[in-house]
Every structure is written in C-alpha cells, then in structure tokens.
Amino acid sequence: MVSKTFTDFASAKHDSKTPKYQQLVNFLMNDIEKGSLTIGERLPSINEASEECYLSRDTVERAYTELHRIGVVTSIFRKGYFIAGKPARTKTKVFFLTGKITENNKAIFNAFLNVMGKDVTIDIFTYNYKSDNFCDLLNAHLGNYHYYVIMPHLIDENIENLKGLRKITGERLVLLDQNFPSLGNSHSYILSNSKGDLRKVLTENVRFMRKYQQINLVLTDEEYFDADLISDFRDFCEANRFEYQVLDGLEDEELQKGQLYLIMDDHDLVSAIKSIEAQGLVLGKEVGIVSMNDSCYKEVLAGGISVISCQPESIGKTIASVLKEGKKQQTTVPMQMVVRKSI
C-alpha cells in the first residue's frame, strides 16, 4: 500500500508553483486522511522514496521532517519512519489585507466570515494606502496562510509590489476591487466600481433625478474610491445635461435647494441631514441625497436614504465561494441603486 502511494505520487500531475517537498507532504497527508495509509505502516527510507518519486534526497528528507514536526510521522532509530496518526484538522487561515477598515470593507469581511463559518480564521491587516507597508506586510506573512485576500487600493502595478504577489500560489490569491493584469490569470479577482459602472446605474435611475437642476458629487478622504467614479459622474451629467460640481467634503457647506448630492462618506451624510433640517428644506422634494454604500440604519434614517451600493455582501459571498470550491474566478459585481424617500 505504501509503495503504491509513492508510485501514484510519481505519476500524478502537480502544481509547479508548490514546492516539491510540500507536494509530497500534501499527498501523504491526503492518503492518511483517506485511510490508504494506516497507523503503524512503515514509510520507505529516504533513499527508497527518492528513487520511487524521482525526487532528491533533500526534498524527501524535508518532507519527512515536516510530517514528523506536525506529529503525523514518527521515527525509530535504525528502523525508519512510521505513520503515527491522522493529521489534526486545522482551520483554514486567511490573510485579509486592506488599505483601511471602512464600513464597506467591514461589510465584505462580515459576509465572507458568515458564509465560511467556524472552520476559518481570518486575520485582517491594514497598510494605510502606503506601498512600503503593503510590501512589508505581504512579505512578513508569506507562507503563514492558506489563502490571501488582498484589496490593493492605490497600489501601483510595479516590480516590487508584483514580486510579493507572485510568491503566492495562484489559487491561493484573491484580489478585490483592482486586478493586476501582469499576474496573468492564475489567480482569482473580484471587481466592483469598474469603469462605466456608476454612469450605468445613474442612467438607469435618471428619472428620479430630473426634479433637480444640479447634481453634486461629494468626495471624501475616509473611504477609498476609484478615480473612474469622477469621470463616470461627469460623463453622466454632461450626457443628461445636468449642471454639476465635485465637492471636497461638506464641512460648513449649506445644502442648496433644487440640488441633488451624491455623498460618499457617512460623516458628510450626517452633516447634510443637519443642514436640511436647519434650513427647513423637504428631503426628497426640495433637495435630494444619494449615499454611497448601504447599511441597516440608512433604510430608516430621515425616512429612508437612497443608496448606490457596491454590493459588499455579494463580494463577501463570492470570496467564500472561491475558497470553498477551490476554483479560480474572475468576476465583476455590479453596482446597484436602492431608491428611497431621500431622492
């Protein structure tokens, strides 16, 4: 039975990106789990296994040492290596890297965690949109996790950043919101906020906006946003003959009657509602608000705030599907608009 296991290993197809010693470890552990190798069975010597698997002695020795370290194999002096027991079932470990922990990212994280359940441990790290931090965190944790879910916001597709990502075996890497074509198609990526997406969702709901003479896009430093959102917004306004303005936050700004505000940050949303109440304006008639990204309280706040959502729950569920099914996916999750009283 043992000899057949090693013969099967030699003839099997293996992922060239996984180190050969790890391939042998994985293969043996799988046969132990299935019961093909039973407790007490003697493994071939390092020399014998080297010949049967067409591997170097160093590779086989490293594999046996790793199996011994985790308690799957035991060694007896002058007698060899023996199966000691089944490998302990370990939780899937996921490295989750994002620029900042925002409300949208938390929604993605929670949806992902809810689907994965108790069999996964997710460690979340932030790099504060700094390339050096991105590289340092990635390099420090290479090899420590089964999967790497990474949101490379404001990270350039340069040699240094790609170097670390290429060290992650393709099927273990999932990129969110931004893809790096230089990596090829070996990994999974899930895109939202793709170019043209905002223009499309605004166009589909333009009938709700015709009562307003001007539309204002209110930017923020708190949430990441793709620069394509600004060009999409301008294209939409010009195509539909709206006057428009791009504002850098709403601090000390009074909302103007007859205008619609597309607000990216929730702090600005609160400021907007306060301004409306202070001026005695009627929300949804005299002034309009559309907020980026949904949350449970926006459904009831001020009678209901209209939102444009990147569907973080769908993104989180898609990540879980990639990991559970073990299949690479390249997909786009489109924006959607939920119309409520505020428009």
Protein backbone atom coordinates (compact mmCIF):
# COMPACT_ATOMS: atom_id res chain seq x y z
CA MET A 1 0.00 0.00 0.00
CA VAL A 2 2.81 2.40 0.90
CA SER A 3 4.70 1.60 -2.28
CA LYS A 4 1.56 2.28 -4.33
CA THR A 5 1.17 5.68 -2.65
CA PHE A 6 4.65 6.72 -3.72
CA THR A 7 4.15 5.30 -7.22
CA ASP A 8 0.91 7.27 -7.52
CA PHE A 9 2.72 10.41 -6.40
CA ALA A 10 5.36 9.97 -9.11
CA SER A 11 2.71 9.63 -11.85
CA ALA A 12 0.34 12.35 -10.60
CA LYS A 13 0.20 15.86 -12.01
CA HIS A 14 1.34 18.51 -9.57
CA ASP A 15 1.10 22.28 -9.33
CA SER A 16 4.53 23.51 -10.41
CA LYS A 17 4.23 26.56 -8.14
CA THR A 18 4.04 24.46 -4.97
CA PRO A 19 7.43 23.36 -3.59
CA LYS A 20 8.08 19.66 -4.28
CA TYR A 21 8.55 18.76 -0.61
CA GLN A 22 5.14 20.34 0.15
CA GLN A 23 3.58 18.40 -2.73
CA LEU A 24 4.81 15.16 -1.14
CA VAL A 25 3.60 16.25 2.31
CA ASN A 26 0.14 17.07 0.92
CA PHE A 27 -0.06 13.80 -0.99
CA LEU A 28 0.86 11.66 2.02
CA MET A 29 -1.46 13.54 4.36
CA ASN A 30 -4.32 13.05 1.90
CA ASP A 31 -3.73 9.28 1.79
CA ILE A 32 -3.59 9.15 5.60
CA GLU A 33 -6.90 11.04 5.80
CA LYS A 34 -8.49 8.60 3.32
CA GLY A 35 -7.15 5.58 5.21
CA SER A 36 -4.95 4.43 2.34
CA LEU A 37 -2.03 4.69 4.78
CA THR A 38 -2.73 3.33 8.25
CA ILE A 39 -1.16 3.95 11.63
CA GLY A 40 1.97 1.87 12.14
CA GLU A 41 2.82 1.42 8.45
CA ARG A 42 6.47 1.92 7.61
CA LEU A 43 7.38 4.52 5.03
CA PRO A 44 10.15 3.87 2.51
CA SER A 45 13.57 5.08 3.52
CA ILE A 46 14.67 8.46 2.28
CA ASN A 47 16.78 6.79 -0.43
CA GLU A 48 13.93 4.48 -1.48
CA ALA A 49 11.37 7.29 -1.57
CA SER A 50 13.81 9.45 -3.53
CA GLU A 51 14.09 6.76 -6.23
CA GLU A 52 10.35 5.97 -6.33
CA CYS A 53 9.23 9.62 -6.54
CA TYR A 54 12.08 10.90 -8.72
CA LEU A 55 12.92 13.47 -6.06
CA SER A 56 16.20 14.49 -4.48
CA ARG A 57 17.12 13.10 -1.05
CA ASP A 58 16.98 16.62 0.40
CA THR A 59 13.39 17.06 -0.84
CA VAL A 60 12.21 13.76 0.68
CA GLU A 61 14.06 14.43 3.93
CA ARG A 62 12.46 17.85 4.20
CA ALA A 63 9.00 16.34 3.62
CA TYR A 64 9.58 13.63 6.27
CA THR A 65 10.89 16.26 8.71
CA GLU A 66 7.75 18.37 8.20
CA LEU A 67 5.48 15.34 8.71
CA HIS A 68 7.42 14.47 11.86
CA ARG A 69 7.12 18.05 13.12
CA ILE A 70 3.32 18.03 12.90
CA GLY A 71 3.07 14.59 14.51
CA VAL A 72 1.88 12.62 11.50
CA VAL A 73 5.06 10.54 11.23
CA THR A 74 7.35 9.15 13.90
CA SER A 75 10.91 7.87 13.51
CA ILE A 76 12.55 4.92 15.23
CA PHE A 77 16.34 4.72 15.33
CA ARG A 78 17.71 2.32 12.70
CA LYS A 79 14.20 1.21 11.74
CA GLY A 80 12.87 4.19 9.79
CA TYR A 81 9.76 6.34 9.58
CA PHE A 82 6.25 5.16 10.51
CA ILE A 83 2.73 6.57 10.26
CA ALA A 84 1.90 7.90 13.74
CA GLY A 85 -1.67 9.14 13.28
CA LYS A 86 -4.06 11.19 11.21
CA PRO A 87 -3.22 14.85 10.75
CA ALA A 88 -5.18 17.11 13.03
CA ARG A 89 -7.88 19.01 11.19
CA THR A 90 -6.80 22.62 11.20
CA LYS A 91 -8.82 25.71 10.47
CA THR A 92 -8.36 27.40 7.14
CA LYS A 93 -6.28 30.52 7.74
CA VAL A 94 -6.96 33.61 5.62
CA PHE A 95 -4.80 36.73 5.33
CA PHE A 96 -7.07 39.72 4.58
CA LEU A 97 -5.21 42.90 3.57
CA THR A 98 -6.91 46.26 3.01
CA GLY A 99 -5.91 49.92 2.94
CA LYS A 100 -8.21 50.93 5.79
CA ILE A 101 -11.03 49.33 7.72
CA THR A 102 -14.04 51.15 6.30
CA GLU A 103 -17.76 50.43 6.62
CA ASN A 104 -17.77 48.88 3.15
CA ASN A 105 -14.77 46.68 3.90
CA LYS A 106 -16.32 45.56 7.18
CA ALA A 107 -19.48 44.55 5.32
CA ILE A 108 -17.39 42.46 2.87
CA PHE A 109 -15.46 40.90 5.75
CA ASN A 110 -18.59 40.03 7.76
CA ALA A 111 -20.40 38.50 4.77
CA PHE A 112 -17.31 36.41 3.98
CA LEU A 113 -16.97 35.27 7.59
CA ASN A 114 -20.67 34.38 7.88
CA VAL A 115 -20.50 32.06 4.88
CA MET A 116 -17.19 30.44 5.87
CA GLY A 117 -18.37 29.76 9.43
CA LYS A 118 -16.30 28.31 12.25
CA ASP A 119 -13.81 26.45 10.08
CA VAL A 120 -11.91 29.59 9.11
CA THR A 121 -9.65 32.04 10.92
CA ILE A 122 -9.32 35.42 9.22
CA ASP A 123 -6.63 37.89 10.22
CA ILE A 124 -7.18 41.40 8.89
CA PHE A 125 -4.31 43.82 8.27
CA THR A 126 -4.21 47.43 7.02
CA TYR A 127 -1.43 49.15 5.07
CA ASN A 128 -2.87 52.71 5.21
CA TYR A 129 -2.58 53.04 1.42
CA LYS A 130 1.24 53.04 1.67
CA SER A 131 3.16 50.87 -0.78
CA ASP A 132 6.02 50.18 1.67
CA ASN A 133 3.57 48.94 4.29
CA PHE A 134 1.87 46.79 1.65
CA CYS A 135 5.12 45.04 0.70
CA ASP A 136 6.31 44.64 4.30
CA LEU A 137 3.05 43.06 5.49
CA LEU A 138 2.85 40.74 2.50
CA ASN A 139 6.45 39.55 2.79
CA ALA A 140 6.19 39.10 6.56
CA HIS A 141 3.24 36.73 6.23
CA LEU A 142 4.09 34.74 3.11
CA GLY A 143 3.67 31.04 3.82
CA ASN A 144 1.70 31.57 7.03
CA TYR A 145 -1.78 31.36 5.49
CA HIS A 146 -3.79 29.08 3.22
CA TYR A 147 -5.35 31.99 1.31
CA TYR A 148 -4.57 35.66 0.73
CA VAL A 149 -7.46 38.08 0.08
CA ILE A 150 -5.99 41.44 -0.90
CA MET A 151 -7.51 44.84 -1.75
CA PRO A 152 -4.61 46.65 -3.48
CA HIS A 153 -6.15 50.12 -3.38
CA LEU A 154 -3.78 52.88 -4.51
CA ILE A 155 -1.05 50.27 -5.05
CA ASP A 156 0.87 50.55 -8.32
CA GLU A 157 1.43 47.59 -10.60
CA ASN A 158 5.21 47.82 -10.28
CA ILE A 159 8.03 45.29 -9.93
CA GLU A 160 8.30 45.48 -6.14
CA ASN A 161 4.59 45.04 -5.46
CA LEU A 162 4.21 42.27 -8.03
CA LYS A 163 7.23 40.43 -6.64
CA GLY A 164 5.48 39.61 -3.36
CA LEU A 165 2.17 38.70 -5.02
CA ARG A 166 3.91 36.29 -7.41
CA LYS A 167 5.20 34.32 -4.44
CA ILE A 168 1.63 33.32 -3.60
CA THR A 169 0.45 30.20 -5.42
CA GLY A 170 -2.20 31.31 -7.92
CA GLU A 171 -5.24 29.53 -6.50
CA ARG A 172 -4.49 30.92 -3.03
CA LEU A 173 -4.63 34.58 -4.15
CA VAL A 174 -7.84 36.62 -4.43
CA LEU A 175 -7.63 40.29 -5.45
CA LEU A 176 -10.56 42.61 -4.72
CA ASP A 177 -11.59 45.83 -6.50
CA GLN A 178 -8.39 46.04 -8.53
CA ASN A 179 -6.67 43.46 -10.70
CA PHE A 180 -3.06 43.37 -11.90
CA PRO A 181 -3.03 42.01 -15.48
CA SER A 182 0.72 41.40 -15.20
CA LEU A 183 -0.07 38.46 -12.89
CA GLY A 184 -1.90 36.67 -15.68
CA ASN A 185 -4.99 34.54 -15.00
CA SER A 186 -3.56 32.18 -12.40
CA HIS A 187 -5.38 33.91 -9.52
CA SER A 188 -8.94 34.95 -8.72
CA TYR A 189 -10.15 38.52 -8.77
CA ILE A 190 -13.48 40.13 -7.91
CA LEU A 191 -14.04 43.60 -9.28
CA SER A 192 -16.52 46.31 -8.32
CA ASN A 193 -16.61 50.01 -9.23
CA SER A 194 -15.47 49.12 -12.73
CA LYS A 195 -15.25 51.92 -15.29
CA GLY A 196 -18.69 52.90 -16.56
CA ASP A 197 -20.49 51.23 -13.65
CA LEU A 198 -21.55 54.45 -11.88
CA ARG A 199 -22.67 56.07 -15.12
CA LYS A 200 -24.74 52.98 -15.94
CA VAL A 201 -26.55 52.84 -12.60
CA LEU A 202 -27.22 56.60 -12.62
CA THR A 203 -28.57 56.42 -16.16
CA GLU A 204 -30.91 53.59 -15.21
CA ASN A 205 -32.38 55.79 -12.46
CA VAL A 206 -32.19 59.21 -14.13
CA ARG A 207 -35.99 59.66 -13.97
CA PHE A 208 -35.73 60.13 -10.19
CA MET A 209 -33.24 62.97 -10.64
CA ARG A 210 -34.99 65.15 -13.21
CA LYS A 211 -36.57 67.36 -10.50
CA TYR A 212 -33.09 68.71 -9.62
CA GLN A 213 -31.16 71.33 -11.61
CA GLN A 214 -27.70 70.40 -10.31
CA ILE A 215 -26.00 67.25 -9.03
CA ASN A 216 -23.04 67.43 -6.66
CA LEU A 217 -20.53 64.62 -6.10
CA VAL A 218 -19.19 64.89 -2.53
CA LEU A 219 -15.76 63.24 -2.20
CA THR A 220 -14.00 62.06 0.96
CA ASP A 221 -10.60 61.14 2.32
CA GLU A 222 -12.09 58.49 4.62
CA GLU A 223 -13.26 55.94 2.04
CA TYR A 224 -11.30 54.62 -0.93
CA PHE A 225 -12.81 55.45 -4.30
CA ASP A 226 -11.65 54.80 -7.81
CA ALA A 227 -10.84 57.90 -9.89
CA ASP A 228 -13.09 56.46 -12.61
CA LEU A 229 -16.07 57.37 -10.41
CA ILE A 230 -15.39 61.06 -11.04
CA SER A 231 -15.16 60.66 -14.82
CA ASP A 232 -18.29 58.46 -14.81
CA PHE A 233 -20.14 61.13 -12.82
CA ARG A 234 -19.10 63.89 -15.22
CA ASP A 235 -19.98 61.81 -18.28
CA PHE A 236 -23.44 61.09 -16.87
CA CYS A 237 -24.16 64.74 -16.01
CA GLU A 238 -22.98 66.03 -19.39
CA ALA A 239 -24.89 63.35 -21.31
CA ASN A 240 -28.08 64.21 -19.41
CA ARG A 241 -27.49 67.99 -19.38
CA PHE A 242 -27.27 68.38 -15.62
CA GLU A 243 -25.24 71.14 -14.07
CA TYR A 244 -22.74 69.51 -11.76
CA GLN A 245 -19.99 70.13 -9.25
CA VAL A 246 -17.39 67.98 -7.46
CA LEU A 247 -17.06 68.96 -3.79
CA ASP A 248 -14.29 68.04 -1.35
CA GLY A 249 -16.47 67.19 1.65
CA LEU A 250 -19.44 69.06 3.14
CA GLU A 251 -17.80 70.75 6.12
CA ASP A 252 -19.50 74.12 6.71
CA GLU A 253 -21.46 73.68 3.48
CA GLU A 254 -25.16 74.53 3.32
CA LEU A 255 -27.16 72.28 1.04
CA GLN A 256 -28.84 74.21 -1.75
CA LYS A 257 -32.49 73.97 -2.73
CA GLY A 258 -33.06 72.29 -6.09
CA GLN A 259 -29.83 70.28 -5.93
CA LEU A 260 -29.02 66.59 -5.51
CA TYR A 261 -26.00 65.42 -3.51
CA LEU A 262 -24.22 62.14 -4.18
CA ILE A 263 -22.36 61.62 -0.87
CA MET A 264 -19.53 59.13 -0.40
CA ASP A 265 -18.82 59.46 3.34
CA ASP A 266 -21.28 58.88 6.19
CA HIS A 267 -19.94 61.82 8.21
CA ASP A 268 -20.88 64.08 5.31
CA LEU A 269 -24.27 62.36 5.18
CA VAL A 270 -24.95 63.37 8.78
CA SER A 271 -23.83 66.95 8.03
CA ALA A 272 -26.16 67.05 5.04
CA ILE A 273 -29.20 65.95 7.04
CA LYS A 274 -28.42 68.50 9.75
CA SER A 275 -28.17 71.24 7.11
CA ILE A 276 -31.52 70.24 5.60
CA GLU A 277 -33.23 70.28 8.99
CA ALA A 278 -31.68 73.62 9.96
CA GLN A 279 -32.94 75.24 6.75
CA GLY A 280 -36.38 73.64 6.89
CA LEU A 281 -35.97 72.04 3.46
CA VAL A 282 -38.00 68.99 2.43
CA LEU A 283 -35.75 66.00 1.73
CA GLY A 284 -36.66 64.19 -1.47
CA LYS A 285 -38.54 67.20 -2.90
CA GLU A 286 -36.56 70.41 -2.47
CA VAL A 287 -33.18 68.75 -2.02
CA GLY A 288 -32.01 65.21 -2.70
CA ILE A 289 -29.46 62.82 -1.23
CA VAL A 290 -27.96 59.59 -2.56
CA SER A 291 -25.43 57.88 -0.30
CA MET A 292 -22.65 55.55 -1.43
CA ASN A 293 -22.87 52.11 0.21
CA ASP A 294 -25.81 50.85 2.22
CA SER A 295 -26.22 50.00 5.89
CA CYS A 296 -29.15 48.96 8.06
CA TYR A 297 -29.71 52.43 9.52
CA LYS A 298 -29.94 54.17 6.11
CA GLU A 299 -33.17 52.33 5.46
CA VAL A 300 -34.85 54.27 8.30
CA LEU A 301 -32.69 57.43 8.61
CA ALA A 302 -34.66 60.57 7.64
CA GLY A 303 -37.43 58.37 6.27
CA GLY A 304 -35.03 56.35 4.10
CA ILE A 305 -31.79 57.31 2.35
CA SER A 306 -31.35 56.27 -1.28
CA VAL A 307 -28.07 54.44 -1.84
CA ILE A 308 -25.73 53.24 -4.57
CA SER A 309 -24.24 50.01 -3.32
CA CYS A 310 -21.16 48.09 -4.45
CA GLN A 311 -22.94 45.02 -3.02
CA PRO A 312 -20.33 44.15 -0.36
CA GLU A 313 -22.39 41.16 0.78
CA SER A 314 -22.22 39.68 -2.72
CA ILE A 315 -18.47 40.30 -2.81
CA GLY A 316 -18.01 38.57 0.56
CA LYS A 317 -20.08 35.57 -0.57
CA THR A 318 -18.13 35.35 -3.82
CA ILE A 319 -14.83 35.24 -1.90
CA ALA A 320 -16.21 32.40 0.21
CA SER A 321 -17.29 30.56 -2.95
CA VAL A 322 -13.79 30.84 -4.42
CA LEU A 323 -12.21 29.40 -1.28
CA LYS A 324 -14.76 26.67 -0.64
CA GLU A 325 -14.94 25.41 -4.22
CA GLY A 326 -11.20 25.76 -4.81
CA LYS A 327 -11.84 27.16 -8.28
CA LYS A 328 -10.38 30.34 -9.69
CA GLN A 329 -12.94 33.01 -10.59
CA GLN A 330 -12.60 36.27 -12.45
CA THR A 331 -15.83 38.15 -11.95
CA THR A 332 -17.38 41.60 -11.62
CA VAL A 333 -20.04 42.53 -9.05
CA PRO A 334 -22.05 45.46 -10.50
CA MET A 335 -23.31 48.46 -8.56
CA GLN A 336 -26.99 48.72 -7.78
CA MET A 337 -29.17 51.62 -6.69
CA VAL A 338 -31.83 51.40 -3.99
CA VAL A 339 -34.31 54.25 -4.33
CA ARG A 340 -35.84 55.55 -1.11
CA LYS A 341 -37.53 58.74 0.12
CA SER A 342 -34.40 60.95 0.02
CA ILE A 343 -34.46 61.31 -3.76
